Structure formats: C-alpha cells, structure tokens
Amino acid sequence: MATEGSDPAAGRTRPASPPSDPGEAPDADGYPGERFGLPETGPGSVATLLRRGGQFLLDSLLAGVIALVFTYPAPPQNWSLLTWAILMVVPVAVIGATPAMALLGMRVVRLDRPESAGVGLLWTLVRTASVFFIVPALIMDRDSRGIHDRASRTVVVRTR
C-alpha cells in the first residue's frame, strides 16, 4: 500500500489524501495554504496575521490622511471611511493589492484564477463589505483566511 506522510504519535503512516475542496476543512498537520498548492514560506505563501494587521492599519491611516487633505481644517469624520473603501476596492480589483499591501509585499489572489492581476470588481466589493465590519476578518480558518476571503474566494499571499 502506497503511503505518504507519517503520524509519529501513532507510529504509522497515513494514506495520501487527494487535494481537498476549498470549502472543506484542511488536514490538521498541514501548513496554511497547503491545500491550495501554495508554498509553506517565501513568495506565494499565505501572509501572516501580523503582516495583514499592519496592512490594515497602514491603509486606514493613509485613508485618514487623504481624507484630511480634502477636509482640512475640519476633521475628516466619515470621509475617511469613503476614502478607505476606495483604497480597498479600486487597487485590489485592478492589481490585487492596496497601497499598504504593495509596501509590505502582499497581494490578494483569487483561488480560481491565481495568475490574474486583479480580483475583479464584484469579489472586491464582497471582500471590502466584509472587512468593513472588522469581525469577519478576524475569524480565521486553518489557512489564515478570514470570512471575507472565503466569501470572495481569495487568499492573501506574500510577494517577497
């Protein structure tokens, strides 16, 4: 019987499993992105939660500064939310990365067409609407994908 991988705790090997469907739960002993064929480390691997959190903060700060430019001397108030939404939708739909993602070496990739540059307007709108409420982005699965990534069929990967 051909086997692949081992279970050191049980002292036996386990049969090789076929690639799982993106909607299924991944194997407990794999790394984030393995079931999608992504590398474990380096370019193309799943971006860490820390890097993604930094990206969110940088994009939020940039949105506030841009909104402040247009509303100065008054505070930007809700104009920063509009600016943030534009920063999240337009660049991700077209090139797959917000300004902070590009700065931190990340991009959003669609699982059904990873070779394309952008995510597309519809999926970017779904993704941005989910991120707006913050909590869906914090509920992560084994592949470090939040609800917003699962809803839009995307994953955030490292570019360097």
Protein backbone atom coordinates (compact mmCIF):
# COMPACT_ATOMS: atom_id res chain seq x y z
CA MET A 1 0.00 0.00 0.00
CA ALA A 2 1.46 3.34 -1.02
CA THR A 3 1.51 5.84 1.79
CA GLU A 4 2.60 9.41 2.10
CA GLY A 5 3.45 11.25 5.29
CA SER A 6 3.54 9.79 8.73
CA ASP A 7 1.89 10.15 12.06
CA PRO A 8 4.76 9.94 14.56
CA ALA A 9 2.40 9.88 17.54
CA ALA A 10 0.63 6.77 16.29
CA GLY A 11 3.75 5.19 14.78
CA ARG A 12 2.08 4.53 11.44
CA THR A 13 1.73 6.11 8.05
CA ARG A 14 -1.43 7.62 6.67
CA PRO A 15 -2.67 7.24 3.10
CA ALA A 16 -2.12 10.11 0.72
CA SER A 17 -5.23 12.23 0.51
CA PRO A 18 -6.39 13.95 -2.67
CA PRO A 19 -6.37 17.75 -2.74
CA SER A 20 -9.32 18.92 -0.70
CA ASP A 21 -12.03 21.24 -1.87
CA PRO A 22 -11.52 24.85 -0.67
CA GLY A 23 -14.78 24.57 1.29
CA GLU A 24 -13.60 21.53 3.28
CA ALA A 25 -11.61 21.57 6.50
CA PRO A 26 -7.87 21.12 5.88
CA ASP A 27 -5.72 18.37 7.40
CA ALA A 28 -4.67 19.15 10.96
CA ASP A 29 -0.99 18.63 10.23
CA GLY A 30 -0.61 20.80 7.11
CA TYR A 31 0.57 24.38 6.82
CA PRO A 32 -1.58 27.38 5.81
CA GLY A 33 -2.21 27.33 2.07
CA GLU A 34 -1.02 23.75 1.51
CA ARG A 35 -4.40 22.57 0.24
CA PHE A 36 -4.33 25.35 -2.36
CA GLY A 37 -0.90 24.33 -3.62
CA LEU A 38 0.84 27.36 -2.10
CA PRO A 39 4.40 27.13 -0.74
CA GLU A 40 4.98 26.99 3.01
CA THR A 41 7.32 30.00 3.08
CA GLY A 42 8.57 32.76 0.80
CA PRO A 43 6.84 34.37 -2.18
CA GLY A 44 3.43 32.87 -2.86
CA SER A 45 2.93 31.65 0.70
CA VAL A 46 -0.01 32.78 2.82
CA ALA A 47 0.62 36.14 4.50
CA THR A 48 0.76 36.13 8.30
CA LEU A 49 -1.91 37.67 10.51
CA LEU A 50 0.63 40.18 11.84
CA ARG A 51 1.52 41.38 8.34
CA ARG A 52 -2.15 41.60 7.38
CA GLY A 53 -2.95 43.57 10.55
CA GLY A 54 -0.15 46.00 9.76
CA GLN A 55 -1.53 46.39 6.26
CA PHE A 56 -4.99 47.19 7.59
CA LEU A 57 -3.61 49.83 9.97
CA LEU A 58 -1.43 51.44 7.28
CA ASP A 59 -4.29 51.56 4.77
CA SER A 60 -6.59 53.05 7.43
CA LEU A 61 -4.02 55.68 8.32
CA LEU A 62 -3.46 56.53 4.64
CA ALA A 63 -7.22 56.84 4.11
CA GLY A 64 -7.49 59.23 7.07
CA VAL A 65 -4.61 61.38 5.81
CA ILE A 66 -6.03 61.56 2.28
CA ALA A 67 -9.48 62.49 3.64
CA LEU A 68 -7.89 65.12 5.89
CA VAL A 69 -6.26 66.75 2.86
CA PHE A 70 -9.73 67.37 1.43
CA THR A 71 -11.47 68.40 4.66
CA TYR A 72 -8.74 70.42 6.41
CA PRO A 73 -9.03 72.28 8.81
CA ALA A 74 -12.10 70.22 9.84
CA PRO A 75 -11.55 66.58 10.78
CA PRO A 76 -12.39 64.08 8.02
CA GLN A 77 -15.09 62.26 10.05
CA ASN A 78 -16.89 59.77 7.75
CA TRP A 79 -14.97 60.94 4.68
CA SER A 80 -12.10 58.73 5.82
CA LEU A 81 -14.42 55.69 5.51
CA LEU A 82 -15.20 56.60 1.91
CA THR A 83 -11.51 57.08 1.19
CA TRP A 84 -10.73 53.74 2.86
CA ALA A 85 -13.36 51.96 0.75
CA ILE A 86 -11.93 53.45 -2.44
CA LEU A 87 -8.39 52.41 -1.38
CA MET A 88 -9.65 48.87 -0.74
CA VAL A 89 -11.80 48.44 -3.85
CA VAL A 90 -10.07 50.07 -6.79
CA PRO A 91 -6.48 48.81 -6.44
CA VAL A 92 -7.50 45.30 -5.31
CA ALA A 93 -9.95 44.95 -8.20
CA VAL A 94 -7.36 46.09 -10.75
CA ILE A 95 -3.94 44.94 -9.48
CA GLY A 96 -4.76 42.79 -6.44
CA ALA A 97 -3.12 44.98 -3.79
CA THR A 98 -3.82 48.06 -1.72
CA PRO A 99 -1.01 50.62 -1.29
CA ALA A 100 -0.04 49.11 2.09
CA MET A 101 -0.13 45.57 0.66
CA ALA A 102 2.29 46.61 -2.06
CA LEU A 103 4.52 48.27 0.55
CA LEU A 104 4.50 45.20 2.81
CA GLY A 105 4.93 42.69 -0.02
CA MET A 106 1.46 41.13 -0.24
CA ARG A 107 -1.34 40.74 -2.73
CA VAL A 108 -4.83 39.27 -2.93
CA VAL A 109 -5.17 36.26 -5.22
CA ARG A 110 -8.35 34.63 -6.46
CA LEU A 111 -8.24 30.89 -5.93
CA ASP A 112 -10.00 30.12 -9.20
CA ARG A 113 -7.61 32.24 -11.30
CA PRO A 114 -4.39 32.91 -9.37
CA GLU A 115 -2.49 34.09 -12.44
CA SER A 116 -4.69 37.17 -12.98
CA ALA A 117 -3.52 40.51 -11.61
CA GLY A 118 -6.75 41.78 -10.05
CA VAL A 119 -9.54 40.17 -8.12
CA GLY A 120 -12.38 41.74 -10.08
CA LEU A 121 -14.91 44.33 -9.00
CA LEU A 122 -17.66 42.01 -7.73
CA TRP A 123 -15.40 39.92 -5.47
CA THR A 124 -13.56 43.01 -4.27
CA LEU A 125 -16.86 44.61 -3.23
CA VAL A 126 -17.84 41.43 -1.34
CA ARG A 127 -14.41 41.37 0.34
CA THR A 128 -14.44 45.07 1.28
CA ALA A 129 -18.00 44.95 2.65
CA SER A 130 -16.97 42.09 4.94
CA VAL A 131 -13.75 43.79 6.08
CA PHE A 132 -15.68 46.96 6.91
CA PHE A 133 -17.25 45.19 9.88
CA ILE A 134 -13.76 44.03 11.08
CA VAL A 135 -15.05 40.95 12.97
CA PRO A 136 -15.40 38.75 9.82
CA ALA A 137 -11.76 39.49 9.02
CA LEU A 138 -10.71 38.26 12.47
CA ILE A 139 -12.49 34.91 12.24
CA MET A 140 -9.76 32.88 10.57
CA ASP A 141 -9.64 29.33 9.30
CA ARG A 142 -6.65 26.98 9.21
CA ASP A 143 -5.37 28.69 6.04
CA SER A 144 -5.32 32.15 7.67
CA ARG A 145 -8.31 33.20 5.58
CA GLY A 146 -10.97 35.36 7.18
CA ILE A 147 -14.65 35.17 6.36
CA HIS A 148 -14.09 37.99 3.86
CA ASP A 149 -11.50 35.87 1.99
CA ARG A 150 -13.72 32.80 1.98
CA ALA A 151 -16.72 34.81 0.76
CA SER A 152 -14.70 36.32 -2.08
CA ARG A 153 -12.77 33.12 -2.91
CA THR A 154 -9.43 34.78 -2.25
CA VAL A 155 -6.26 34.37 -0.23
CA VAL A 156 -3.63 36.98 0.69
CA VAL A 157 -0.14 35.84 -0.29
CA ARG A 158 3.36 37.22 0.11
CA THR A 159 5.06 38.66 -2.96
CA ARG A 160 8.54 38.69 -1.47
